[in-house]
Every structure is written in structure tokens, then in C-alpha cells.
Amino acid sequence: MVRKILACSLLILAGCAHNIDRELATGARIHAAATRSVTGALDAHIISSEDAEAYNALAISSSEILDSARDLKDIDPTTAAGKVQLANGILKELQEFLVKQLEKQP
């Protein structure tokens, strides 16, 4: 019985690690897209250089959170998953905001 519980726990952890890896990869893609959007918005004079610096700081902080989650994924999958959700949420909001700003332009 204990062996079955341990085996199930290991399978669950392996599944969580796979999901975290997938979410980390998603975060890296969103980070790249957000960075490109900041550059595009700045180049198109949609945002100021001060705004671009602030948005890039958000992107960098989110990337650091993703790095921290990557470091924790095998040690503390629950905390790693929370960090991934936080970072990806910030990056998605930033990306969506910048895309909307770009779409408003003629």
C-alpha cells in the first residue's frame, strides 16, 4: 500500500514537473514577445522612453521570477508553480496592454 502511494506521488510530481517545464517555456516566449512589443511601441512613439524602461523592468523582474521557479521546480514544485503563474500573469498583462496600444495607432 505504501509503495502504491509513493509510486502515485512520484507520478504526480513528474506530471507537475512536466507542466512546470511547459509553463516555463511559455513564460520565455511571452517574455520575448513582450520585449519586442516594448521596442515596437517605443520605436512607433506610442510609449515614452520612461514607460519603455518601466515596462522592461517589469519584464526583467518577471524573467527573474521564472528563473527562480526553474531553480525550485525539483525542490518545491508547488512554490515553483506559483512563481510561474505570477510571472506569466504579469508578462501576459504587459503584452496584452502593449498590443492594445499598438492597435490603437492609425
N, C-alpha and C. Protein backbone atom coordinates (compact mmCIF):
# COMPACT_ATOMS: atom_id res chain seq x y z
N MET A 1 0.82 -1.20 0.00
CA MET A 1 0.00 0.00 0.00
C MET A 1 0.86 1.26 0.00
N VAL A 2 1.89 1.28 0.85
CA VAL A 2 2.77 2.43 0.93
C VAL A 2 3.51 2.62 -0.40
N ARG A 3 3.90 1.50 -1.01
CA ARG A 3 4.59 1.58 -2.30
C ARG A 3 3.69 2.17 -3.37
N LYS A 4 2.41 1.81 -3.35
CA LYS A 4 1.47 2.37 -4.32
C LYS A 4 1.31 3.87 -4.13
N ILE A 5 1.24 4.28 -2.87
CA ILE A 5 1.10 5.71 -2.58
C ILE A 5 2.34 6.46 -3.04
N LEU A 6 3.52 5.91 -2.75
CA LEU A 6 4.76 6.54 -3.18
C LEU A 6 4.86 6.59 -4.70
N ALA A 7 4.47 5.51 -5.36
CA ALA A 7 4.51 5.46 -6.82
C ALA A 7 3.57 6.52 -7.40
N CYS A 8 2.37 6.63 -6.83
CA CYS A 8 1.41 7.64 -7.30
C CYS A 8 1.94 9.05 -7.05
N SER A 9 2.56 9.27 -5.91
CA SER A 9 3.13 10.58 -5.60
C SER A 9 4.22 10.94 -6.59
N LEU A 10 5.07 9.98 -6.92
CA LEU A 10 6.14 10.23 -7.89
C LEU A 10 5.57 10.55 -9.26
N LEU A 11 4.51 9.85 -9.65
CA LEU A 11 3.88 10.13 -10.95
C LEU A 11 3.27 11.53 -10.96
N ILE A 12 2.65 11.91 -9.87
CA ILE A 12 2.06 13.24 -9.78
C ILE A 12 3.15 14.30 -9.86
N LEU A 13 4.25 14.11 -9.12
CA LEU A 13 5.35 15.06 -9.16
C LEU A 13 5.96 15.14 -10.55
N ALA A 14 6.09 14.01 -11.22
CA ALA A 14 6.64 14.01 -12.58
C ALA A 14 5.71 14.78 -13.51
N GLY A 15 4.41 14.60 -13.34
CA GLY A 15 3.44 15.35 -14.15
C GLY A 15 3.51 16.83 -13.86
N CYS A 16 3.68 17.20 -12.60
CA CYS A 16 3.80 18.61 -12.23
C CYS A 16 5.07 19.21 -12.84
N ALA A 17 6.16 18.46 -12.78
CA ALA A 17 7.42 18.96 -13.34
C ALA A 17 7.27 19.19 -14.84
N HIS A 18 6.58 18.28 -15.52
CA HIS A 18 6.37 18.45 -16.96
C HIS A 18 5.54 19.70 -17.23
N ASN A 19 4.48 19.90 -16.44
CA ASN A 19 3.65 21.08 -16.61
C ASN A 19 4.43 22.36 -16.32
N ILE A 20 5.27 22.33 -15.29
CA ILE A 20 6.08 23.50 -14.95
C ILE A 20 7.05 23.79 -16.09
N ASP A 21 7.67 22.76 -16.64
CA ASP A 21 8.57 22.96 -17.77
C ASP A 21 7.85 23.61 -18.94
N ARG A 22 6.64 23.16 -19.19
CA ARG A 22 5.85 23.73 -20.29
C ARG A 22 5.51 25.19 -19.99
N GLU A 23 5.13 25.49 -18.76
CA GLU A 23 4.80 26.86 -18.38
C GLU A 23 6.04 27.76 -18.38
N LEU A 24 7.19 27.20 -18.00
CA LEU A 24 8.43 27.98 -18.08
C LEU A 24 8.75 28.34 -19.53
N ALA A 25 8.54 27.39 -20.42
CA ALA A 25 8.77 27.65 -21.85
C ALA A 25 7.79 28.71 -22.36
N THR A 26 6.54 28.63 -21.92
CA THR A 26 5.55 29.64 -22.29
C THR A 26 5.99 31.01 -21.78
N GLY A 27 6.48 31.05 -20.55
CA GLY A 27 6.95 32.31 -19.98
C GLY A 27 8.09 32.91 -20.79
N ALA A 28 9.00 32.07 -21.25
CA ALA A 28 10.12 32.56 -22.06
C ALA A 28 9.60 33.16 -23.37
N ARG A 29 8.61 32.51 -23.98
CA ARG A 29 8.04 33.04 -25.23
C ARG A 29 7.30 34.35 -24.99
N ILE A 30 6.54 34.41 -23.90
CA ILE A 30 5.80 35.64 -23.59
C ILE A 30 6.78 36.77 -23.29
N HIS A 31 7.85 36.45 -22.57
CA HIS A 31 8.86 37.45 -22.26
C HIS A 31 9.46 38.03 -23.54
N ALA A 32 9.80 37.17 -24.47
CA ALA A 32 10.37 37.63 -25.75
C ALA A 32 9.38 38.50 -26.50
N ALA A 33 8.11 38.08 -26.52
CA ALA A 33 7.09 38.86 -27.22
C ALA A 33 6.87 40.21 -26.55
N ALA A 34 6.84 40.23 -25.23
CA ALA A 34 6.64 41.49 -24.51
C ALA A 34 7.80 42.44 -24.76
N THR A 35 9.01 41.91 -24.77
CA THR A 35 10.18 42.74 -25.02
C THR A 35 10.13 43.33 -26.43
N ARG A 36 9.73 42.52 -27.40
CA ARG A 36 9.58 43.03 -28.77
C ARG A 36 8.49 44.09 -28.85
N SER A 37 7.39 43.87 -28.12
CA SER A 37 6.30 44.85 -28.14
C SER A 37 6.72 46.17 -27.53
N VAL A 38 7.51 46.12 -26.45
CA VAL A 38 8.01 47.35 -25.84
C VAL A 38 8.87 48.10 -26.85
N THR A 39 9.76 47.38 -27.51
CA THR A 39 10.63 48.00 -28.51
C THR A 39 9.81 48.60 -29.65
N GLY A 40 8.83 47.83 -30.13
CA GLY A 40 7.97 48.33 -31.21
C GLY A 40 7.18 49.55 -30.80
N ALA A 41 6.63 49.53 -29.60
CA ALA A 41 5.85 50.67 -29.12
C ALA A 41 6.73 51.90 -28.94
N LEU A 42 7.94 51.70 -28.48
CA LEU A 42 8.86 52.82 -28.33
C LEU A 42 9.27 53.37 -29.70
N ASP A 43 9.61 52.48 -30.61
CA ASP A 43 10.00 52.90 -31.97
C ASP A 43 8.87 53.63 -32.68
N ALA A 44 7.63 53.24 -32.42
CA ALA A 44 6.47 53.88 -33.06
C ALA A 44 6.01 55.12 -32.29
N HIS A 45 6.75 55.48 -31.25
CA HIS A 45 6.43 56.66 -30.42
C HIS A 45 5.07 56.55 -29.75
N ILE A 46 4.69 55.33 -29.42
CA ILE A 46 3.43 55.09 -28.73
C ILE A 46 3.62 55.21 -27.23
N ILE A 47 4.81 54.85 -26.77
CA ILE A 47 5.15 54.99 -25.36
C ILE A 47 6.43 55.81 -25.26
N SER A 48 6.61 56.42 -24.11
CA SER A 48 7.81 57.22 -23.88
C SER A 48 8.98 56.31 -23.50
N SER A 49 10.16 56.86 -23.53
CA SER A 49 11.33 56.07 -23.13
C SER A 49 11.24 55.70 -21.65
N GLU A 50 10.64 56.59 -20.85
CA GLU A 50 10.46 56.28 -19.42
C GLU A 50 9.52 55.09 -19.25
N ASP A 51 8.42 55.10 -20.02
CA ASP A 51 7.49 53.96 -19.97
C ASP A 51 8.18 52.68 -20.43
N ALA A 52 8.96 52.79 -21.50
CA ALA A 52 9.67 51.62 -22.01
C ALA A 52 10.60 51.04 -20.95
N GLU A 53 11.30 51.92 -20.24
CA GLU A 53 12.19 51.46 -19.17
C GLU A 53 11.40 50.76 -18.07
N ALA A 54 10.24 51.33 -17.73
CA ALA A 54 9.41 50.72 -16.68
C ALA A 54 8.87 49.36 -17.13
N TYR A 55 8.41 49.27 -18.39
CA TYR A 55 7.90 48.01 -18.91
C TYR A 55 9.00 46.97 -19.02
N ASN A 56 10.19 47.41 -19.43
CA ASN A 56 11.32 46.47 -19.49
C ASN A 56 11.70 45.99 -18.09
N ALA A 57 11.61 46.87 -17.10
CA ALA A 57 11.90 46.46 -15.72
C ALA A 57 10.91 45.39 -15.27
N LEU A 58 9.63 45.56 -15.64
CA LEU A 58 8.63 44.53 -15.32
C LEU A 58 8.97 43.21 -16.00
N ALA A 59 9.37 43.29 -17.25
CA ALA A 59 9.72 42.08 -17.99
C ALA A 59 10.95 41.40 -17.37
N ILE A 60 11.93 42.19 -16.98
CA ILE A 60 13.13 41.62 -16.36
C ILE A 60 12.78 40.98 -15.02
N SER A 61 11.97 41.67 -14.22
CA SER A 61 11.56 41.09 -12.93
C SER A 61 10.81 39.78 -13.12
N SER A 62 9.93 39.76 -14.10
CA SER A 62 9.18 38.53 -14.37
C SER A 62 10.10 37.42 -14.83
N SER A 63 11.09 37.76 -15.62
CA SER A 63 12.06 36.77 -16.07
C SER A 63 12.86 36.21 -14.89
N GLU A 64 13.19 37.08 -13.94
CA GLU A 64 13.90 36.63 -12.74
C GLU A 64 13.03 35.70 -11.90
N ILE A 65 11.74 35.99 -11.85
CA ILE A 65 10.81 35.11 -11.13
C ILE A 65 10.77 33.74 -11.82
N LEU A 66 10.74 33.75 -13.14
CA LEU A 66 10.76 32.48 -13.89
C LEU A 66 12.05 31.71 -13.62
N ASP A 67 13.17 32.41 -13.57
CA ASP A 67 14.45 31.74 -13.26
C ASP A 67 14.41 31.13 -11.88
N SER A 68 13.84 31.84 -10.93
CA SER A 68 13.70 31.33 -9.56
C SER A 68 12.82 30.08 -9.54
N ALA A 69 11.73 30.12 -10.31
CA ALA A 69 10.84 28.95 -10.39
C ALA A 69 11.57 27.76 -11.00
N ARG A 70 12.38 28.01 -12.01
CA ARG A 70 13.16 26.94 -12.65
C ARG A 70 14.10 26.30 -11.62
N ASP A 71 14.70 27.13 -10.77
CA ASP A 71 15.60 26.61 -9.75
C ASP A 71 14.87 25.78 -8.70
N LEU A 72 13.60 26.11 -8.45
CA LEU A 72 12.82 25.43 -7.40
C LEU A 72 11.99 24.25 -7.88
N LYS A 73 11.85 24.08 -9.19
CA LYS A 73 10.88 23.13 -9.71
C LYS A 73 11.06 21.71 -9.19
N ASP A 74 12.29 21.28 -8.95
CA ASP A 74 12.52 19.92 -8.46
C ASP A 74 12.51 19.84 -6.94
N ILE A 75 12.74 20.97 -6.29
CA ILE A 75 12.81 21.01 -4.82
C ILE A 75 11.44 21.28 -4.21
N ASP A 76 10.75 22.25 -4.77
CA ASP A 76 9.45 22.69 -4.24
C ASP A 76 8.52 23.02 -5.42
N PRO A 77 7.94 21.97 -6.02
CA PRO A 77 7.11 22.19 -7.21
C PRO A 77 5.92 23.12 -6.99
N THR A 78 5.35 23.11 -5.81
CA THR A 78 4.19 23.96 -5.55
C THR A 78 4.57 25.44 -5.59
N THR A 79 5.67 25.78 -4.92
CA THR A 79 6.13 27.17 -4.95
C THR A 79 6.56 27.56 -6.35
N ALA A 80 7.24 26.66 -7.04
CA ALA A 80 7.68 26.93 -8.42
C ALA A 80 6.47 27.21 -9.31
N ALA A 81 5.42 26.41 -9.17
CA ALA A 81 4.22 26.61 -9.99
C ALA A 81 3.59 27.97 -9.70
N GLY A 82 3.56 28.37 -8.43
CA GLY A 82 3.02 29.68 -8.08
C GLY A 82 3.83 30.81 -8.69
N LYS A 83 5.15 30.66 -8.67
CA LYS A 83 6.01 31.68 -9.25
C LYS A 83 5.81 31.76 -10.76
N VAL A 84 5.67 30.62 -11.39
CA VAL A 84 5.44 30.60 -12.84
C VAL A 84 4.14 31.31 -13.17
N GLN A 85 3.09 31.01 -12.42
CA GLN A 85 1.80 31.66 -12.66
C GLN A 85 1.89 33.17 -12.48
N LEU A 86 2.58 33.60 -11.43
CA LEU A 86 2.75 35.03 -11.17
C LEU A 86 3.49 35.71 -12.32
N ALA A 87 4.64 35.16 -12.68
CA ALA A 87 5.46 35.77 -13.74
C ALA A 87 4.72 35.77 -15.07
N ASN A 88 4.11 34.65 -15.42
CA ASN A 88 3.40 34.58 -16.69
C ASN A 88 2.20 35.52 -16.71
N GLY A 89 1.53 35.67 -15.58
CA GLY A 89 0.41 36.60 -15.50
C GLY A 89 0.84 38.03 -15.74
N ILE A 90 1.95 38.42 -15.12
CA ILE A 90 2.48 39.78 -15.31
C ILE A 90 2.87 39.99 -16.77
N LEU A 91 3.58 39.03 -17.32
CA LEU A 91 4.03 39.16 -18.71
C LEU A 91 2.87 39.18 -19.69
N LYS A 92 1.86 38.37 -19.45
CA LYS A 92 0.69 38.36 -20.34
C LYS A 92 -0.04 39.70 -20.29
N GLU A 93 -0.22 40.24 -19.11
CA GLU A 93 -0.89 41.54 -18.98
C GLU A 93 -0.08 42.63 -19.68
N LEU A 94 1.22 42.62 -19.51
CA LEU A 94 2.08 43.60 -20.17
C LEU A 94 1.98 43.47 -21.68
N GLN A 95 2.05 42.25 -22.17
CA GLN A 95 1.96 42.01 -23.61
C GLN A 95 0.61 42.46 -24.16
N GLU A 96 -0.46 42.11 -23.47
CA GLU A 96 -1.80 42.49 -23.95
C GLU A 96 -1.97 44.00 -23.95
N PHE A 97 -1.47 44.68 -22.93
CA PHE A 97 -1.56 46.13 -22.88
C PHE A 97 -0.81 46.76 -24.05
N LEU A 98 0.40 46.28 -24.30
CA LEU A 98 1.20 46.86 -25.38
C LEU A 98 0.58 46.59 -26.75
N VAL A 99 0.05 45.40 -26.94
CA VAL A 99 -0.61 45.08 -28.21
C VAL A 99 -1.80 46.01 -28.42
N LYS A 100 -2.59 46.25 -27.37
CA LYS A 100 -3.74 47.16 -27.50
C LYS A 100 -3.28 48.58 -27.84
N GLN A 101 -2.18 49.00 -27.25
CA GLN A 101 -1.66 50.33 -27.54
C GLN A 101 -1.22 50.41 -29.01
N LEU A 102 -0.57 49.37 -29.51
CA LEU A 102 -0.14 49.34 -30.90
C LEU A 102 -1.33 49.32 -31.85
N GLU A 103 -2.39 48.61 -31.49
CA GLU A 103 -3.57 48.51 -32.34
C GLU A 103 -4.33 49.82 -32.43
N LYS A 104 -4.20 50.69 -31.45
CA LYS A 104 -4.89 51.98 -31.46
C LYS A 104 -4.31 52.94 -32.49
N GLN A 105 -3.11 52.65 -32.92
CA GLN A 105 -2.43 53.57 -33.85
C GLN A 105 -3.00 53.44 -35.25
N PRO A 106 -3.03 54.56 -35.97
CA PRO A 106 -3.56 54.55 -37.35
C PRO A 106 -2.67 53.78 -38.30
